[in-house]
Structures are given as structure tokens and as C-alpha cells.
Amino acid sequence: MSADIKEILAVAPRYINFGKIQEGATHKREITIFNKGEEKISITDIVVKPEGLMSIQPTNRFTLIPGQNKTLSVSFTPSGKPGHIYGSIIIKTDAKYLPEKIIRARAELLKDQKDAHLSKD
């Protein structure tokens, strides 16, 4: 027995690392959603956690026909205690066998300005 498993909705990158960052500065990354299936897929909602620290644009619903892709901009503006911050982007779909796709995100909030040279944006 053999199986050919095909990812119908792909996201690149699968994981976002904002790296070491300073409080208050906005850092941006892009993600691209690809429809690799044979039917159209509607993106019904995109939920970003933690709210207030991360956001995504555009936020409107959209549909991808087979072979189509769409790039979204993810912004991260950290605040709070120094240390690691973890989050996620949950892409909700109308696909029967793929109700959602999750992209994990992380960053390290630096505690003072002397560590700023470690930041890469």
C-alpha cells in the first residue's frame, strides 16, 4: 500500500522568528499562503495571538483558486517584561478537511538598549 499525501494549503514560512528585539519597535515579516489543491479555498478568518502585540494585514476574507497565492504582512510590536514571547497566527478556512492552519511565532524581548546590536530586522 502506498499513499500520496498532498498539502492543499501551504504557508511559507511555517514558523516566524522575529529574533532579538527592543521594546516598542515594530518588526515586520511576510507570510505567503498557497492553494496547492484542486478546489478553491476560502480564508474565512485570521486570528493573531497575542492580540495587541502582533497584527496581520490585510485582514479581509479572501478566496484562493488552485495555484493561487497571497502574501500577508505580519507586524510585531513588543512590550512587557524581557524574555521570550510566543504567539500564533491561526488561518481559518472553509475546507472540510482543513478547518485551520497554525503558524507559530516567537521573539526575544531585550531588557536594555545595550543589547540592541543583537537585533536583526
Protein backbone atom coordinates (compact mmCIF):
# COMPACT_ATOMS: atom_id res chain seq x y z
CA MET A 1 0.00 0.00 0.00
CA SER A 2 1.22 3.48 -0.77
CA ALA A 3 -0.20 6.94 -0.35
CA ASP A 4 0.45 10.25 -1.98
CA ILE A 5 -0.16 12.91 0.64
CA LYS A 6 -0.65 16.36 -0.81
CA GLU A 7 -0.71 19.56 1.22
CA ILE A 8 -3.68 21.54 -0.11
CA LEU A 9 -2.96 24.78 1.76
CA ALA A 10 0.68 25.64 2.31
CA VAL A 11 2.11 28.56 4.23
CA ALA A 12 5.67 29.87 3.95
CA PRO A 13 7.38 30.29 6.23
CA ARG A 14 5.80 27.74 8.55
CA TYR A 15 7.37 29.45 11.56
CA ILE A 16 8.23 33.13 12.19
CA ASN A 17 11.23 34.09 14.31
CA PHE A 18 11.42 37.83 14.92
CA GLY A 19 14.72 37.30 16.75
CA LYS A 20 16.07 39.57 19.48
CA ILE A 21 14.18 42.86 19.54
CA GLN A 22 13.77 46.05 21.53
CA GLU A 23 10.53 47.07 23.22
CA GLY A 24 8.37 49.49 21.26
CA ALA A 25 9.96 48.96 17.84
CA THR A 26 7.75 47.43 15.14
CA HIS A 27 9.17 44.44 13.28
CA LYS A 28 7.60 43.05 10.11
CA ARG A 29 7.68 39.73 8.33
CA GLU A 30 5.69 38.31 5.44
CA ILE A 31 3.87 35.02 5.09
CA THR A 32 2.53 33.61 1.84
CA ILE A 33 -0.46 31.29 1.65
CA PHE A 34 -0.56 28.90 -1.34
CA ASN A 35 -3.53 26.89 -2.62
CA LYS A 36 -1.91 23.65 -3.81
CA GLY A 37 -5.20 21.78 -4.01
CA GLU A 38 -7.62 21.20 -6.85
CA GLU A 39 -10.50 23.27 -5.44
CA LYS A 40 -10.86 26.85 -4.31
CA ILE A 41 -10.30 27.54 -0.60
CA SER A 42 -11.79 30.48 1.24
CA ILE A 43 -9.89 32.02 4.13
CA THR A 44 -12.77 32.83 6.47
CA ASP A 45 -10.82 34.41 9.35
CA ILE A 46 -7.29 35.05 10.59
CA VAL A 47 -6.73 35.19 14.35
CA VAL A 48 -3.48 36.58 15.74
CA LYS A 49 -2.33 35.84 19.29
CA PRO A 50 -1.29 37.64 21.41
CA GLU A 51 -3.59 40.45 20.32
CA GLY A 52 -2.08 43.88 20.72
CA LEU A 53 1.48 42.66 20.17
CA MET A 54 1.00 41.10 16.73
CA SER A 55 -1.20 42.09 13.82
CA ILE A 56 -1.67 41.00 10.21
CA GLN A 57 -2.62 42.84 7.03
CA PRO A 58 -4.82 42.54 5.13
CA THR A 59 -7.48 41.23 7.50
CA ASN A 60 -10.30 40.79 4.99
CA ARG A 61 -11.56 37.39 3.88
CA PHE A 62 -10.37 36.06 0.55
CA THR A 63 -10.54 33.03 -1.70
CA LEU A 64 -7.64 31.28 -3.41
CA ILE A 65 -8.24 29.35 -6.60
CA PRO A 66 -5.98 26.34 -7.29
CA GLY A 67 -2.41 27.52 -7.93
CA GLN A 68 -3.01 30.98 -6.49
CA ASN A 69 -1.19 32.53 -3.52
CA LYS A 70 -1.49 35.62 -1.35
CA THR A 71 1.15 37.38 0.75
CA LEU A 72 0.28 38.91 4.10
CA SER A 73 2.30 41.26 6.31
CA VAL A 74 2.77 40.34 9.97
CA SER A 75 3.73 43.15 12.37
CA PHE A 76 5.07 42.66 15.88
CA THR A 77 5.43 45.49 18.41
CA PRO A 78 6.68 44.02 21.69
CA SER A 79 6.09 45.33 25.19
CA GLY A 80 6.27 43.93 28.68
CA LYS A 81 8.90 42.02 30.60
CA PRO A 82 12.14 40.99 28.89
CA GLY A 83 12.29 37.39 27.75
CA HIS A 84 10.77 35.10 25.16
CA ILE A 85 7.38 35.91 23.67
CA TYR A 86 5.41 33.24 21.81
CA GLY A 87 2.43 33.71 19.56
CA SER A 88 0.46 32.21 16.72
CA ILE A 89 -1.42 33.06 13.56
CA ILE A 90 -4.49 30.89 13.03
CA ILE A 91 -5.76 30.81 9.46
CA LYS A 92 -9.35 29.53 9.36
CA THR A 93 -10.72 28.03 6.14
CA ASP A 94 -13.91 26.61 4.66
CA ALA A 95 -12.08 23.41 3.65
CA LYS A 96 -13.81 20.34 5.09
CA TYR A 97 -10.57 18.52 5.93
CA LEU A 98 -8.54 21.59 6.89
CA PRO A 99 -10.55 23.89 9.15
CA GLU A 100 -7.44 25.81 10.21
CA LYS A 101 -3.72 26.18 9.70
CA ILE A 102 -1.45 27.46 12.51
CA ILE A 103 1.81 29.39 12.12
CA ARG A 104 3.87 29.78 15.29
CA ALA A 105 5.83 32.94 16.06
CA ARG A 106 8.46 33.86 18.62
CA ALA A 107 10.68 36.73 19.65
CA GLU A 108 13.05 37.60 22.45
CA LEU A 109 12.40 40.96 24.07
CA LEU A 110 15.69 42.51 25.18
CA LYS A 111 15.88 44.23 28.53
CA ASP A 112 18.02 47.25 27.70
CA GLN A 113 19.42 49.32 24.88
CA LYS A 114 22.97 47.90 25.19
CA ASP A 115 21.74 44.64 23.64
CA ALA A 116 20.34 46.48 20.57
CA HIS A 117 23.28 45.42 18.39
CA LEU A 118 21.92 41.85 18.63
CA SER A 119 18.72 42.82 16.85
CA LYS A 120 18.30 41.91 13.18
CA ASP A 121 15.38 43.33 11.25
